[in-house]
Every structure is written in structure tokens, then in C-alpha cells.
Amino acid sequence: MKEVYKKKNEIVYRKVAGETILVPISGRLADMQRIFALNPVGEFIWDEIDGSKTLQQVSKDIQSSFDVTGEEATADLEAFIAELFKEGLIEEAFQ
């Protein structure tokens, strides 16, 4: 869990009507077919992906902020990161 990820620049992050959404932008247009809504843990993880924190650090931050075990935090984080990566919303940050 030493990997480090960062958000891609072409992703817009907004809170709308109490819901956090991610919208990929292509050129000057939003891809409205690919809007992603985040739950509170997903929003927390999105905020933590800053290009400098390892996934291990993010997992520890999840444990500190939510009532979950280390195993739960790691499993949820790995699943969410895999989905973000598959959808092209994040990329590896090479340090």
C-alpha cells in the first residue's frame, strides 16, 4: 500500500444539493453520461488523494475518521481506488 495516486486535472468535484459529485471534463464540455456520486467515505478518500499520501497513510486516516477496523478501511480503500482508476478519474503519482 505504498502507492500514491492523484486526481486527474480534467475532473470537476462539486457538492450539489448535499451530494458530492465528480464530473469528467473533456475539452470544455462535461461528460454528463459519466457523473459519479460519492458517499461520505468516498468523499473523504477523494480529498485525501493528493499526490503525496500513500494508500497506507490514507487507510490510517480513514480509521481515525470513521469507526472501522484497519482491515475494513484497507478493503474499502483498495476497492474504491480500483474503481476510480478503472474509470480514469485518478492516476499514479510518481515521486
Protein backbone atom coordinates (compact mmCIF):
# COMPACT_ATOMS: atom_id res chain seq x y z
CA MET A 1 0.00 0.00 0.00
CA LYS A 2 2.86 2.33 -0.77
CA GLU A 3 1.24 3.51 -3.99
CA VAL A 4 0.45 7.21 -4.35
CA TYR A 5 -2.36 8.50 -6.56
CA LYS A 6 -3.50 11.90 -7.69
CA LYS A 7 -6.66 13.24 -9.22
CA LYS A 8 -6.65 13.85 -12.95
CA ASN A 9 -6.91 17.53 -13.86
CA GLU A 10 -9.93 17.04 -16.08
CA ILE A 11 -12.25 16.05 -13.20
CA VAL A 12 -14.60 18.59 -11.62
CA TYR A 13 -15.58 17.98 -7.98
CA ARG A 14 -18.73 19.68 -6.68
CA LYS A 15 -21.28 19.48 -3.88
CA VAL A 16 -24.78 19.76 -5.28
CA ALA A 17 -27.89 19.56 -3.09
CA GLY A 18 -25.94 17.88 -0.31
CA GLU A 19 -24.40 15.30 -2.63
CA THR A 20 -20.77 15.20 -3.74
CA ILE A 21 -20.28 14.50 -7.44
CA LEU A 22 -17.37 14.03 -9.82
CA VAL A 23 -17.78 15.09 -13.45
CA PRO A 24 -15.15 14.33 -16.10
CA ILE A 25 -14.49 17.28 -18.42
CA SER A 26 -13.36 16.79 -22.00
CA GLY A 27 -12.20 19.97 -23.64
CA ARG A 28 -14.75 22.50 -22.41
CA LEU A 29 -17.65 20.06 -22.10
CA ALA A 30 -18.75 17.90 -19.20
CA ASP A 31 -19.40 14.25 -19.90
CA MET A 32 -22.88 14.13 -18.36
CA GLN A 33 -23.13 10.41 -19.08
CA ARG A 34 -20.35 9.80 -16.56
CA ILE A 35 -21.28 11.58 -13.34
CA PHE A 36 -20.11 9.88 -10.16
CA ALA A 37 -21.80 10.42 -6.78
CA LEU A 38 -19.68 9.85 -3.66
CA ASN A 39 -20.76 8.68 -0.23
CA PRO A 40 -19.07 10.28 2.83
CA VAL A 41 -16.20 7.78 2.88
CA GLY A 42 -15.69 8.16 -0.88
CA GLU A 43 -15.63 11.94 -0.48
CA PHE A 44 -13.08 11.61 2.32
CA ILE A 45 -10.86 9.37 0.18
CA TRP A 46 -11.19 11.75 -2.80
CA ASP A 47 -10.00 14.61 -0.60
CA GLU A 48 -7.05 12.52 0.64
CA ILE A 49 -5.81 11.60 -2.85
CA ASP A 50 -3.39 14.49 -3.22
CA GLY A 51 -0.39 13.03 -4.99
CA SER A 52 1.70 12.85 -1.83
CA LYS A 53 -0.04 10.47 0.61
CA THR A 54 0.47 6.74 0.25
CA LEU A 55 -2.56 4.47 0.34
CA GLN A 56 -1.28 3.23 3.69
CA GLN A 57 -1.48 6.79 5.07
CA VAL A 58 -4.97 7.26 3.61
CA SER A 59 -6.09 3.97 5.20
CA LYS A 60 -4.87 5.15 8.60
CA ASP A 61 -6.70 8.46 8.11
CA ILE A 62 -9.91 6.55 7.32
CA GLN A 63 -9.52 4.54 10.53
CA SER A 64 -9.05 7.76 12.52
CA SER A 65 -12.06 9.49 10.98
CA PHE A 66 -14.56 6.62 10.74
CA ASP A 67 -15.48 3.81 13.08
CA VAL A 68 -13.86 0.98 11.07
CA THR A 69 -11.12 -1.57 11.58
CA GLY A 70 -7.84 -1.47 9.70
CA GLU A 71 -8.96 -4.36 7.54
CA GLU A 72 -12.26 -2.64 6.65
CA ALA A 73 -10.51 0.63 5.86
CA THR A 74 -7.94 -1.08 3.64
CA ALA A 75 -10.51 -3.21 1.80
CA ASP A 76 -12.83 -0.26 1.15
CA LEU A 77 -9.93 1.95 0.08
CA GLU A 78 -8.50 -0.62 -2.32
CA ALA A 79 -11.92 -1.25 -3.90
CA PHE A 80 -12.63 2.47 -4.29
CA ILE A 81 -9.17 3.23 -5.71
CA ALA A 82 -9.55 0.38 -8.21
CA GLU A 83 -12.91 1.82 -9.36
CA LEU A 84 -11.55 5.38 -9.64
CA PHE A 85 -8.56 4.11 -11.62
CA LYS A 86 -10.74 1.96 -13.91
CA GLU A 87 -12.96 4.97 -14.65
CA GLY A 88 -9.93 7.14 -15.45
CA LEU A 89 -10.50 9.61 -12.61
CA ILE A 90 -7.11 9.17 -10.95
CA GLU A 91 -3.58 8.27 -11.96
CA GLU A 92 -0.43 7.13 -10.22
CA ALA A 93 1.74 9.91 -8.87
CA PHE A 94 5.40 9.14 -9.33
CA GLN A 95 7.62 10.62 -6.68
